Protein backbone atom coordinates (compact mmCIF):
# COMPACT_ATOMS: atom_id res chain seq x y z
CA MET A 1 3.50 -20.93 -10.30
CA LYS A 2 7.07 -19.65 -10.02
CA SER A 3 8.29 -17.54 -7.10
CA TYR A 4 9.95 -14.17 -7.59
CA HIS A 5 11.70 -11.47 -5.59
CA PRO A 6 9.31 -8.50 -5.21
CA VAL A 7 10.27 -4.90 -5.87
CA LEU A 8 11.19 -3.27 -2.57
CA ALA A 9 9.26 -0.41 -1.03
CA ALA A 10 9.93 3.07 -2.38
CA ALA A 11 13.20 4.57 -1.22
CA THR A 12 12.56 7.11 1.53
CA VAL A 13 14.62 10.13 2.53
CA LEU A 14 14.24 11.47 6.05
CA LEU A 15 14.56 15.08 7.10
CA ALA A 16 15.99 14.84 10.60
CA ALA A 17 18.75 16.07 12.84
CA GLY A 18 22.03 14.48 11.77
CA CYS A 19 24.26 13.93 8.76
CA THR A 20 23.33 12.78 5.27
CA THR A 21 23.89 9.07 4.74
CA PRO A 22 21.92 7.78 1.75
CA SER A 23 21.16 4.09 1.45
CA THR A 24 18.56 1.84 -0.14
CA PRO A 25 16.05 0.78 1.02
CA ALA A 26 16.97 2.21 4.45
CA PRO A 27 16.33 5.96 4.83
CA ALA A 28 18.87 8.72 4.57
CA ALA A 29 18.94 11.60 7.04
CA VAL A 30 19.49 15.31 6.50
CA PRO A 31 19.17 18.21 8.95
CA ILE A 32 16.17 20.50 8.85
CA GLY A 33 16.88 24.14 8.16
CA SER A 34 15.23 27.12 9.72
CA PRO A 35 11.41 27.17 9.47
CA SER A 36 9.84 28.98 6.56
CA ALA A 37 8.21 32.35 7.03
CA THR A 38 4.61 32.22 8.16
CA VAL A 39 1.96 33.11 5.60
CA GLU A 40 -1.04 34.82 7.17
CA ALA A 41 -4.51 33.71 6.19
CA SER A 42 -6.51 36.15 4.09
CA PRO A 43 -10.18 36.03 5.13
CA SER A 44 -12.96 37.08 2.81
CA PRO A 45 -15.23 39.73 4.37
CA THR A 46 -18.36 38.11 2.90
CA GLY A 47 -17.71 34.35 2.94
CA PRO A 48 -15.42 31.52 3.98
CA ASP A 49 -11.78 32.38 4.48
CA ALA A 50 -9.02 31.09 2.21
CA ARG A 51 -8.13 28.17 4.46
CA GLU A 52 -11.72 26.91 4.57
CA LEU A 53 -12.03 27.15 0.79
CA LEU A 54 -8.80 25.29 0.14
CA LEU A 55 -9.51 22.58 2.71
CA ALA A 56 -12.93 22.01 1.16
CA ALA A 57 -11.31 21.55 -2.26
CA LEU A 58 -8.65 19.23 -0.84
CA GLU A 59 -11.24 17.10 0.97
CA LYS A 60 -13.32 16.86 -2.19
CA SER A 61 -10.29 15.91 -4.27
CA ARG A 62 -8.79 13.32 -1.93
CA SER A 63 -12.08 11.48 -1.40
CA THR A 64 -12.51 10.34 -4.99
CA SER A 65 -10.37 8.87 -7.77
CA TYR A 66 -7.72 11.07 -9.38
CA ARG A 67 -4.66 10.89 -11.60
CA PHE A 68 -1.39 12.43 -10.54
CA ALA A 69 2.01 13.31 -11.96
CA THR A 70 4.90 14.32 -9.71
CA SER A 71 8.41 15.67 -9.95
CA GLY A 72 10.68 17.00 -7.25
CA ASP A 73 13.92 17.22 -5.36
CA VAL A 74 15.15 14.93 -2.62
CA PRO A 75 18.36 15.42 -0.61
CA ASP A 76 21.79 14.73 -2.10
CA LYS A 77 20.73 16.46 -5.34
CA LYS A 78 18.52 13.57 -6.36
CA LYS A 79 15.23 13.80 -8.23
CA ILE A 80 12.02 11.82 -8.13
CA THR A 81 9.44 11.63 -10.90
CA GLY A 82 6.28 9.59 -11.07
CA SER A 83 2.71 9.20 -12.22
CA GLY A 84 -0.32 7.12 -11.48
CA VAL A 85 -3.99 6.87 -10.60
CA TYR A 86 -5.61 6.28 -7.20
CA ASP A 87 -9.14 5.23 -6.27
CA PRO A 88 -9.55 5.48 -2.47
CA LYS A 89 -13.09 4.07 -2.42
CA ALA A 90 -12.15 0.95 -4.38
CA LYS A 91 -8.78 0.71 -2.58
CA ARG A 92 -6.85 0.56 -5.84
CA ILE A 93 -3.71 2.32 -6.98
CA SER A 94 -1.40 2.09 -9.99
CA VAL A 95 1.85 4.05 -9.81
CA LYS A 96 5.23 4.32 -11.51
CA TYR A 97 8.17 6.27 -10.14
CA LYS A 98 11.87 6.81 -10.69
CA LEU A 99 14.40 8.01 -8.10
CA THR A 100 17.78 9.25 -9.28
CA GLY A 101 20.45 6.66 -8.54
CA ASP A 102 18.00 4.12 -7.13
CA GLY A 103 16.18 2.98 -10.25
CA SER A 104 12.47 2.79 -10.96
CA ALA A 105 9.51 0.78 -9.76
CA GLN A 106 5.92 0.06 -10.66
CA ARG A 107 3.09 -0.96 -8.36
CA ILE A 108 -0.52 -2.00 -8.73
CA VAL A 109 -2.66 -2.64 -5.66
CA VAL A 110 -6.15 -4.11 -5.93
CA GLY A 111 -7.68 -4.48 -2.49
CA THR A 112 -5.11 -6.45 -0.50
CA ASP A 113 -3.18 -7.77 -3.49
CA LEU A 114 0.02 -5.96 -4.45
CA TYR A 115 1.79 -6.48 -7.78
CA SER A 116 5.21 -4.95 -8.37
CA ARG A 117 8.05 -4.89 -10.84
CA SER A 118 11.04 -2.70 -11.66
CA LYS A 119 10.18 -1.73 -15.22
CA ASP A 120 8.03 -2.41 -18.26
CA GLY A 121 8.44 -5.91 -19.68
CA GLU A 122 9.38 -7.60 -16.43
CA THR A 123 7.19 -10.19 -14.74
CA TRP A 124 4.87 -8.79 -12.11
CA VAL A 125 5.32 -10.20 -8.59
CA HIS A 126 2.32 -10.75 -6.32
CA LEU A 127 2.27 -10.22 -2.56
CA ASN A 128 -0.75 -10.86 -0.35
CA LEU A 129 -0.84 -7.77 1.89
CA LYS A 130 -3.02 -9.57 4.44
CA LYS A 131 -0.08 -11.89 5.17
CA ILE A 132 2.57 -9.14 5.41
CA LYS A 133 3.54 -8.02 8.91
CA LYS A 134 3.02 -4.31 9.60
CA ASP A 135 6.72 -3.75 10.38
CA SER A 136 7.90 -5.63 7.29
CA LEU A 137 9.96 -3.89 4.60
CA TYR A 138 7.37 -5.17 2.14
CA ALA A 139 4.30 -3.77 3.89
CA TYR A 140 2.27 -1.25 1.91
CA ASP A 141 -0.18 1.04 3.68
CA MET A 142 -3.23 1.70 1.54
CA THR A 143 -4.78 4.13 4.03
CA ASP A 144 -2.85 7.03 2.43
CA PRO A 145 -0.56 5.72 -0.34
CA THR A 146 -0.27 9.07 -2.14
CA GLY A 147 0.28 11.21 0.97
CA MET A 148 -2.71 13.40 0.13
CA SER A 149 -4.46 12.84 3.47
CA ARG A 150 -1.35 13.79 5.42
CA PHE A 151 -0.92 16.87 3.26
CA VAL A 152 -4.48 17.92 4.14
CA GLU A 153 -3.75 17.35 7.84
CA ALA A 154 -0.59 19.45 7.60
CA VAL A 155 -2.17 22.56 6.04
CA ASP A 156 -1.66 25.39 8.52
CA THR A 157 -1.97 29.01 7.36
CA VAL A 158 -3.47 29.82 3.96
CA ALA A 159 -3.71 33.01 1.91
CA SER A 160 -5.61 33.62 -1.31
CA THR A 161 -3.22 34.85 -3.98
CA GLY A 162 -5.66 35.16 -6.87
CA PRO A 163 -8.65 33.44 -8.48
CA ASN A 164 -8.40 29.74 -7.51
CA THR A 165 -4.82 30.09 -6.22
CA TYR A 166 -3.50 29.80 -2.68
CA SER A 167 -0.26 29.88 -0.74
CA GLY A 168 0.49 28.87 2.81
CA THR A 169 2.50 26.89 5.30
CA LEU A 170 2.50 23.25 6.45
CA ASP A 171 2.74 22.19 10.07
CA ILE A 172 4.47 18.81 9.87
CA GLU A 173 5.12 17.99 13.51
CA GLY A 174 4.08 14.60 14.84
CA ASP A 175 4.59 10.89 14.24
CA ARG A 176 2.02 10.73 11.43
CA PHE A 177 4.55 12.43 9.14
CA ASN A 178 7.38 9.98 9.87
CA GLU A 179 6.38 7.91 6.86
CA GLY A 180 6.95 9.45 3.43
CA PHE A 181 4.18 11.77 2.26
CA LEU A 182 5.93 14.25 -0.06
CA PRO A 183 5.75 14.84 -2.93
CA VAL A 184 2.03 14.08 -2.95
CA GLY A 185 1.47 11.15 -5.30
CA THR A 186 4.86 9.44 -5.01
CA PRO A 187 5.99 9.98 -1.41
CA ALA A 188 9.78 9.94 -1.01
CA ILE A 189 10.47 12.36 1.85
CA SER A 190 9.59 11.80 5.49
CA VAL A 191 9.91 14.43 8.19
CA LEU A 192 11.16 13.54 11.67
CA PHE A 193 11.08 15.93 14.64
CA GLY A 194 8.84 18.44 12.87
CA GLY A 195 9.52 21.41 10.66
CA ASN A 196 7.71 23.94 8.50
CA ALA A 197 7.29 24.12 4.74
CA THR A 198 5.57 26.43 2.29
CA PHE A 199 3.17 25.46 -0.47
CA THR A 200 1.07 26.81 -3.30
CA ALA A 201 -2.10 25.18 -4.62
CA THR A 202 -4.44 25.71 -7.55
CA THR A 203 -8.07 24.72 -7.97
CA ASN A 204 -10.33 24.75 -11.02
CA PRO A 205 -13.85 26.19 -11.36
CA GLY A 206 -15.29 22.78 -10.43
CA GLY A 207 -13.66 22.96 -7.02
CA TRP A 208 -11.02 20.28 -7.67
CA VAL A 209 -7.38 20.74 -6.68
CA THR A 210 -5.27 20.66 -9.83
CA SER A 211 -1.75 21.39 -8.57
CA ILE A 212 0.24 21.33 -5.34
CA LYS A 213 3.76 22.73 -5.05
CA VAL A 214 5.78 22.34 -1.84
CA THR A 215 9.14 23.77 -0.76
CA LEU A 216 11.07 22.21 2.13
CA LYS A 217 14.27 23.68 3.50
CA ASP A 218 17.22 21.55 4.58
CA SER A 219 20.76 22.53 5.54
CA LYS A 220 21.87 22.41 1.90
CA GLY A 221 19.07 24.47 0.37
CA ALA A 222 15.47 24.16 -0.76
CA LEU A 223 13.74 21.01 -1.94
CA ASN A 224 11.03 21.85 -4.47
CA MET A 225 8.35 19.43 -5.62
CA THR A 226 5.27 19.65 -7.82
CA THR A 227 2.18 17.47 -8.16
CA THR A 228 -0.49 17.92 -10.83
CA LEU A 229 -3.91 16.30 -10.40
CA SER A 230 -6.53 15.46 -13.03
CA GLY A 231 -9.35 13.07 -13.88
CA HIS A 232 -11.15 13.65 -10.60
CA GLY A 233 -14.02 11.23 -10.07
CA LYS A 234 -13.44 9.32 -13.31
CA PRO A 235 -13.06 5.52 -13.47
CA SER A 236 -9.50 4.52 -12.62
CA GLY A 237 -9.32 1.55 -14.96
CA ILE A 238 -7.03 -0.25 -12.49
CA LYS A 239 -6.98 -4.04 -12.86
CA LYS A 240 -4.62 -6.72 -11.66
CA PRO A 241 -1.97 -7.77 -14.22
CA ALA A 242 -2.87 -10.63 -16.52
CA ASN A 243 0.41 -12.44 -15.82
CA TYR A 244 2.36 -12.53 -12.58
CA GLY A 245 4.43 -14.75 -10.31
CA GLU A 246 4.14 -15.32 -6.57
CA ALA A 247 6.62 -13.88 -4.09
CA MET A 248 8.71 -16.41 -2.18
CA ASP A 249 7.39 -17.55 1.18
CA PHE A 250 10.09 -15.91 3.30
CA TYR A 251 8.72 -12.46 2.47
CA TYR A 252 5.83 -13.31 4.78
CA ASP A 253 8.07 -14.29 7.73
């Protein structure tokens, strides 16, 4: 079987103290702006408060399979778009994304086998994730590939803004947010040294989260991103590609 060069990990942009210096695949850095205004929680006098209700919906949604579509801003006036399906129980994900100026990529992960390519029609490249070192550029963490778990961890204050709608703030201090987790679905922005952000979320009558919108502030303005979720609990249909080549040995060094 032939050997191929795998598609590199998704380009990541870091929000940190310093100047903006974009590069690929190494991160770029932009300064964090002033924290967003705090949104006070709005408790219900006869039942769970807004935060409890939203967290319950988020936990329910992140624990089963779901489809996602994302679009959003990253620093330097770039945009990211993407879509895919994730099954956390089966440890499978299929995702496509495109980052302005840095091209596109596609990934399928089935267990510990990763298949990647740049675009439709190209040969898939296989990497055995069990053989990849954790600090390798080609490592892929399947514990939270969409960033949904870290979003749930970051939820701070929450207010109910209407039937099945919420707004609030994110507390994104700590090392667990150093890896990209926004926008949810196709992470492309990491946050170093903490910072606050605002969000809105929508649920449906079944208690599933159907949309998440986040606004981050940097020194050049606001970064807005949107994720829509659907197909909760339905079969993902993710299978390994029928045809693929093996990555060259040095990617395991």
